[in-house]
Amino acid sequence: ANWGLEWKNIVTAKRLIYGDFMVPGADPRVYDECPDMDQLTKIMNDYLDDYNRDISPPMPLIMFLDCIEHCVRLCRTIRQYNGHALLLGIGGSGRRSCTRMAAFMCEYEPFTVEITKSFSLNDWRECLKTLLNMTGLEDKQLVFIFTDTQIIKPVFLEDVANLLNSGDVPNLYEGNDLENIYQVMRPICAYEQLPQSKVGLYSRFIKSVKANLHIVLAFSPIGDIFRARMRNFPPI
C-alpha cells in the first residue's frame, strides 16, 4: 500500500539510535530514541571524561558517530538478561575500548584475565571461580572481556562456550567451594520458597550468574582458525 509517506518524514534523525543512557544516573533508566546527534556526542564525551577521571589507565578515544553506535549496541546487548556479544575485527580496532566504555555507561564492572608466560590451567580455573563467585554470590554485574589472543589452551574456549550455553563450567567447584555456595544460596532459596536441596541451591546460584554475567568476545575473522572455532563451539 502507498501511504503517501517517505522515509525522511518517518525517520527524521540522521541515524536511528536508541538507548537508556541519555540521563546519567537516572533511576529508572528510560529507553528512548536519541534524535539529536550533537547532544548524543556531547553526552558520550561526558561519559568518556568521567571514565578517564575515575579509571586508570585512561582511554584516549575520539567519540565519532560510528564509534558511538558500536558503544550503544553493546550497551543494549549487555543490559539484557544473559546478554552476550561477539565482536569481530582486527587488533587495534577498538573492540575492547568500546566494551569498557559500554560497561562504564551501564555501571557494570569489566573483568579480564591477565595472561602471563607462567599462566596455567589452574590459574584459569581460579579466574573462572572468581568470575562466577562475583556474579553468583556477590550479585555484581560483570562484563567478561575475552579475546582470541588469550586462548593459549583449547580448554579455555571450551569453558567460555559452556558459560555461554549454560552459565556453568562442569567440574569447576568441589568440596569447600560448593559448601560456600550452598551456605550463601540457602537463605535466598528459603526467602523465594525454592527447593533447598543441593541441586536446587546450585541451580539458584547459576540463575544469578546468568543474570549478572555478560561475556564479550573480541575475535579476529581472518584465517581458518575462526571458522574452525565456530564449528567446534556452536554456543559462540
Protein backbone atom coordinates (compact mmCIF):
# COMPACT_ATOMS: atom_id res chain seq x y z
CA ALA A 1 0.00 0.00 0.00
CA ASN A 2 1.11 3.55 -0.66
CA TRP A 3 0.59 5.67 2.44
CA GLY A 4 1.97 8.81 0.87
CA LEU A 5 4.90 8.89 3.28
CA GLU A 6 8.61 8.99 2.61
CA TRP A 7 11.39 7.57 4.80
CA LYS A 8 12.75 11.03 5.58
CA ASN A 9 9.34 12.01 7.00
CA ILE A 10 9.20 8.94 9.26
CA VAL A 11 12.82 8.89 10.43
CA THR A 12 13.84 12.50 10.87
CA ALA A 13 17.25 11.85 12.51
CA LYS A 14 20.47 11.16 10.61
CA ARG A 15 20.82 7.82 12.40
CA LEU A 16 18.31 5.66 14.21
CA ILE A 17 19.83 5.26 17.69
CA TYR A 18 18.07 4.18 20.87
CA GLY A 19 19.46 3.97 24.40
CA ASP A 20 18.74 4.29 28.10
CA PHE A 21 21.86 6.29 28.98
CA MET A 22 20.90 9.80 27.90
CA VAL A 23 20.27 10.85 31.51
CA PRO A 24 23.32 9.70 33.52
CA GLY A 25 22.39 8.27 36.91
CA ALA A 26 18.67 8.07 36.10
CA ASP A 27 16.63 5.54 38.06
CA PRO A 28 14.76 4.01 36.40
CA ARG A 29 16.54 4.26 33.08
CA VAL A 30 14.31 5.27 30.17
CA TYR A 31 14.96 3.55 26.84
CA ASP A 32 14.21 6.11 24.14
CA GLU A 33 15.33 7.42 20.78
CA CYS A 34 18.38 9.70 20.61
CA PRO A 35 17.38 12.05 17.76
CA ASP A 36 19.94 14.81 18.36
CA MET A 37 23.39 13.60 17.26
CA ASP A 38 25.15 16.66 18.69
CA GLN A 39 23.60 16.10 22.11
CA LEU A 40 24.40 12.37 21.90
CA THR A 41 28.05 13.12 21.06
CA LYS A 42 28.27 15.55 23.98
CA ILE A 43 26.82 13.00 26.42
CA MET A 44 29.19 10.31 25.17
CA ASN A 45 32.16 12.64 25.62
CA ASP A 46 30.93 13.40 29.13
CA TYR A 47 30.89 9.64 29.86
CA LEU A 48 34.40 9.36 28.43
CA ASP A 49 35.62 12.23 30.63
CA ASP A 50 34.11 10.56 33.69
CA TYR A 51 35.74 7.26 32.73
CA ASN A 52 39.16 8.83 32.29
CA ARG A 53 38.82 10.67 35.59
CA ASP A 54 37.75 7.61 37.60
CA ILE A 55 39.56 4.71 35.95
CA SER A 56 43.21 4.06 35.15
CA PRO A 57 44.63 3.78 32.57
CA PRO A 58 42.54 6.38 30.69
CA MET A 59 41.27 5.77 27.16
CA PRO A 60 42.19 8.49 24.63
CA LEU A 61 39.18 7.84 22.39
CA ILE A 62 37.58 10.07 19.79
CA MET A 63 33.82 9.61 20.02
CA PHE A 64 32.80 9.87 16.37
CA LEU A 65 29.36 8.59 15.39
CA ASP A 66 30.40 5.13 14.19
CA CYS A 67 32.22 4.52 17.47
CA ILE A 68 29.21 5.82 19.39
CA GLU A 69 26.90 3.44 17.53
CA HIS A 70 29.09 0.47 18.47
CA CYS A 71 29.03 1.52 22.14
CA VAL A 72 25.25 1.95 22.02
CA ARG A 73 24.77 -1.52 20.52
CA LEU A 74 26.96 -3.02 23.23
CA CYS A 75 25.01 -1.16 25.92
CA ARG A 76 21.72 -2.53 24.60
CA THR A 77 23.15 -6.05 24.43
CA ILE A 78 24.71 -6.29 27.88
CA ARG A 79 21.73 -4.62 29.54
CA GLN A 80 19.65 -7.67 28.59
CA TYR A 81 19.33 -10.78 30.72
CA ASN A 82 22.03 -13.26 29.69
CA GLY A 83 23.18 -10.75 27.05
CA HIS A 84 26.49 -11.51 25.34
CA ALA A 85 28.29 -10.16 22.28
CA LEU A 86 30.79 -11.32 19.67
CA LEU A 87 32.93 -8.53 18.22
CA LEU A 88 34.80 -9.24 15.00
CA GLY A 89 37.72 -7.11 13.86
CA ILE A 90 41.45 -6.89 13.65
CA GLY A 91 43.59 -5.99 16.65
CA GLY A 92 43.64 -2.30 17.49
CA SER A 93 40.19 -1.59 16.01
CA GLY A 94 38.76 -0.58 19.40
CA ARG A 95 36.77 -3.68 20.35
CA ARG A 96 37.93 -3.75 23.97
CA SER A 97 37.83 0.03 24.36
CA CYS A 98 34.21 0.19 23.17
CA THR A 99 33.33 -2.68 25.51
CA ARG A 100 34.91 -0.96 28.51
CA MET A 101 33.09 2.23 27.59
CA ALA A 102 29.75 0.42 27.30
CA ALA A 103 30.30 -1.35 30.63
CA PHE A 104 31.03 2.00 32.29
CA MET A 105 27.89 3.55 30.80
CA CYS A 106 25.82 0.63 32.14
CA GLU A 107 27.54 0.90 35.54
CA TYR A 108 28.93 -2.62 35.15
CA GLU A 109 32.40 -3.77 36.10
CA PRO A 110 34.76 -5.11 33.41
CA PHE A 111 36.54 -8.39 34.11
CA THR A 112 39.61 -9.56 32.21
CA VAL A 113 42.18 -12.32 32.54
CA GLU A 114 45.85 -11.35 32.54
CA ILE A 115 47.74 -13.99 30.57
CA THR A 116 51.40 -14.41 31.55
CA LYS A 117 54.11 -16.83 30.47
CA SER A 118 53.50 -18.93 33.57
CA PHE A 119 49.70 -18.83 33.28
CA SER A 120 48.42 -22.35 33.87
CA LEU A 121 45.13 -24.22 33.67
CA ASN A 122 44.80 -23.92 37.46
CA ASP A 123 45.18 -20.14 37.16
CA TRP A 124 42.46 -20.09 34.52
CA ARG A 125 40.07 -22.09 36.65
CA GLU A 126 40.71 -19.83 39.65
CA CYS A 127 39.87 -16.83 37.46
CA LEU A 128 36.62 -18.51 36.42
CA LYS A 129 35.78 -19.22 40.06
CA THR A 130 36.35 -15.55 40.90
CA LEU A 131 34.16 -14.52 37.96
CA LEU A 132 31.29 -16.84 38.91
CA ASN A 133 31.55 -16.02 42.62
CA MET A 134 31.32 -12.29 41.93
CA THR A 135 28.26 -12.70 39.71
CA GLY A 136 26.57 -15.58 41.53
CA LEU A 137 27.35 -14.93 45.20
CA GLU A 138 28.09 -11.20 45.37
CA ASP A 139 25.38 -10.26 42.82
CA LYS A 140 27.69 -8.00 40.79
CA GLN A 141 27.06 -7.13 37.16
CA LEU A 142 30.24 -8.02 35.26
CA VAL A 143 31.35 -7.82 31.65
CA PHE A 144 33.87 -10.56 30.91
CA ILE A 145 36.10 -9.38 28.04
CA PHE A 146 37.86 -12.30 26.35
CA THR A 147 40.00 -12.11 23.20
CA ASP A 148 41.25 -14.80 20.84
CA THR A 149 44.85 -13.94 21.74
CA GLN A 150 44.11 -15.22 25.27
CA ILE A 151 43.24 -18.73 24.04
CA ILE A 152 46.57 -20.34 24.90
CA LYS A 153 44.87 -23.67 25.64
CA PRO A 154 41.85 -25.11 23.75
CA VAL A 155 40.06 -25.80 27.03
CA PHE A 156 39.83 -22.03 27.63
CA LEU A 157 37.45 -21.65 24.71
CA GLU A 158 35.55 -24.76 25.71
CA ASP A 159 34.92 -23.30 29.16
CA VAL A 160 33.77 -19.98 27.70
CA ALA A 161 31.39 -21.86 25.38
CA ASN A 162 29.96 -23.68 28.41
CA LEU A 163 29.42 -20.36 30.17
CA LEU A 164 27.58 -19.02 27.14
CA ASN A 165 25.48 -22.16 26.85
CA SER A 166 24.54 -22.86 30.46
CA GLY A 167 26.20 -20.28 32.73
CA ASP A 168 28.28 -23.04 34.32
CA VAL A 169 31.64 -24.76 33.86
CA PRO A 170 31.49 -28.52 34.55
CA ASN A 171 33.55 -29.75 37.50
CA LEU A 172 34.76 -26.28 38.39
CA TYR A 173 33.70 -26.45 42.03
CA GLU A 174 34.23 -29.14 44.62
CA GLY A 175 34.37 -29.58 48.39
CA ASN A 176 34.55 -26.35 50.37
CA ASP A 177 33.71 -24.21 47.32
CA LEU A 178 30.39 -25.98 46.90
CA GLU A 179 29.61 -25.74 50.60
CA ASN A 180 30.20 -22.00 50.44
CA ILE A 181 27.75 -21.72 47.54
CA TYR A 182 25.13 -23.76 49.40
CA GLN A 183 25.56 -21.61 52.51
CA VAL A 184 25.04 -18.34 50.62
CA MET A 185 22.15 -19.62 48.50
CA ARG A 186 20.21 -21.35 51.31
CA PRO A 187 18.59 -18.19 52.80
CA ILE A 188 17.87 -16.88 49.30
CA CYS A 189 16.09 -20.09 48.33
CA ALA A 190 14.20 -20.05 51.62
CA TYR A 191 13.01 -16.49 51.01
CA GLU A 192 11.98 -17.31 47.43
CA GLN A 193 10.37 -20.61 48.52
CA LEU A 194 12.62 -22.66 46.27
CA PRO A 195 13.87 -26.22 46.90
CA GLN A 196 16.84 -26.27 49.29
CA SER A 197 18.38 -29.47 48.02
CA LYS A 198 21.95 -29.28 46.74
CA VAL A 199 20.68 -29.30 43.18
CA GLY A 200 18.18 -26.54 43.95
CA LEU A 201 20.79 -24.39 45.70
CA TYR A 202 23.28 -24.73 42.88
CA SER A 203 20.58 -24.01 40.26
CA ARG A 204 19.74 -20.77 42.08
CA PHE A 205 23.44 -19.89 42.04
CA ILE A 206 23.63 -20.43 38.27
CA LYS A 207 20.49 -18.32 37.81
CA SER A 208 22.30 -15.40 39.49
CA VAL A 209 25.36 -15.98 37.32
CA LYS A 210 23.29 -15.86 34.13
CA ALA A 211 21.53 -12.68 35.29
CA ASN A 212 24.76 -10.84 36.12
CA LEU A 213 27.38 -12.20 33.71
CA HIS A 214 27.81 -10.68 30.24
CA ILE A 215 30.52 -12.12 28.00
CA VAL A 216 32.02 -10.06 25.19
CA LEU A 217 34.29 -11.98 22.83
CA ALA A 218 36.75 -9.98 20.71
CA PHE A 219 37.89 -12.23 17.85
CA SER A 220 39.59 -11.74 14.52
CA PRO A 221 37.73 -13.18 11.49
CA ILE A 222 40.94 -13.55 9.47
CA GLY A 223 42.12 -17.06 8.60
CA ASP A 224 40.72 -20.55 9.08
CA ILE A 225 41.08 -20.60 12.88
CA PHE A 226 37.98 -18.50 13.43
CA ARG A 227 35.80 -20.70 11.20
CA ALA A 228 37.11 -23.85 12.90
CA ARG A 229 36.29 -22.42 16.33
CA MET A 230 32.77 -21.53 15.23
CA ARG A 231 32.19 -25.08 14.02
CA ASN A 232 33.67 -26.70 17.12
CA PHE A 233 31.92 -24.45 19.65
CA PRO A 234 28.38 -23.60 18.44
CA PRO A 235 27.44 -21.52 21.56
CA ILE A 236 29.91 -18.88 20.38
